[in-house]
Protein backbone atom coordinates (compact mmCIF):
# COMPACT_ATOMS: atom_id res chain seq x y z
CA MET A 1 138.80 100.43 105.85
CA GLU A 2 135.18 101.51 105.75
CA HIS A 3 133.83 102.40 102.33
CA PHE A 4 130.52 102.43 100.49
CA VAL A 5 129.41 100.18 97.63
CA CYS A 6 126.53 99.93 95.20
CA ARG A 7 124.82 96.53 95.28
CA GLY A 8 123.40 97.17 91.83
CA SER A 9 124.82 96.17 88.46
CA CYS A 10 127.46 98.92 88.38
CA GLY A 11 129.25 97.74 91.55
CA GLY A 12 130.46 101.28 92.17
CA SER A 13 132.31 102.24 95.33
CA ALA A 14 133.30 105.40 97.18
CA ASP A 15 135.19 106.36 100.31
CA HIS A 16 132.24 108.42 101.55
CA ALA A 17 128.45 108.09 101.66
CA LYS A 18 126.74 109.11 98.44
CA LYS A 19 124.18 107.91 95.92
CA CYS A 20 124.77 105.71 92.87
CA GLU A 21 125.60 107.97 89.95
CA ASP A 22 125.43 105.39 87.11
CA PRO A 23 122.23 106.02 85.12
CA THR A 24 122.40 102.48 83.66
CA CYS A 25 122.38 100.83 87.13
CA GLN A 26 119.12 99.59 88.66
CA ASN A 27 120.20 101.32 91.91
CA PHE A 28 120.74 104.72 90.27
CA GLY A 29 119.98 107.45 92.80
CA LYS A 30 119.95 105.06 95.78
CA GLU A 31 122.38 105.39 98.70
CA LEU A 32 125.52 103.25 98.56
CA GLU A 33 125.77 100.69 101.38
CA LYS A 34 128.44 100.88 104.08
CA CYS A 35 131.04 98.10 103.75
CA ALA A 36 134.07 97.31 105.89
CA CYS A 37 135.53 94.35 103.98
CA LYS A 38 139.29 94.05 103.96
CA ASP A 39 139.69 92.19 100.66
CA SER A 40 137.93 94.70 98.36
CA MET A 41 135.54 91.94 97.31
CA HIS A 42 132.62 93.32 99.38
CA ARG A 43 131.41 89.76 100.09
CA ALA A 44 131.98 89.81 103.84
CA SER A 45 129.23 92.36 104.27
CA GLU A 46 126.84 90.40 102.05
CA GLU A 47 127.57 87.14 103.89
CA SER A 48 127.02 88.70 107.30
CA HIS A 49 123.71 90.13 106.13
CA ALA A 50 122.68 86.78 104.67
CA THR A 51 123.48 84.77 107.80
CA ALA A 52 122.42 87.24 110.48
CA PRO A 53 118.84 86.75 111.66
CA LYS A 54 116.44 89.58 111.01
CA GLU A 55 115.24 91.46 114.09
CA SER A 56 111.78 89.95 113.67
CA GLU A 57 113.32 86.43 113.60
CA ALA A 58 115.59 86.99 116.60
CA ASN A 59 112.75 87.14 119.13
């Protein structure tokens, strides 16, 4: 199920796009990132970003 997560220290999540609302998080006020992991660990998205070549590297 698609959801949105904060990659900052709060690790917040939501079922819709919104901004981080935790004033103690370094990502406060930044958009949450779309995530479609199935295990609620949010690592699949991070791993795919880490292993996928950047557009500038692909060509």
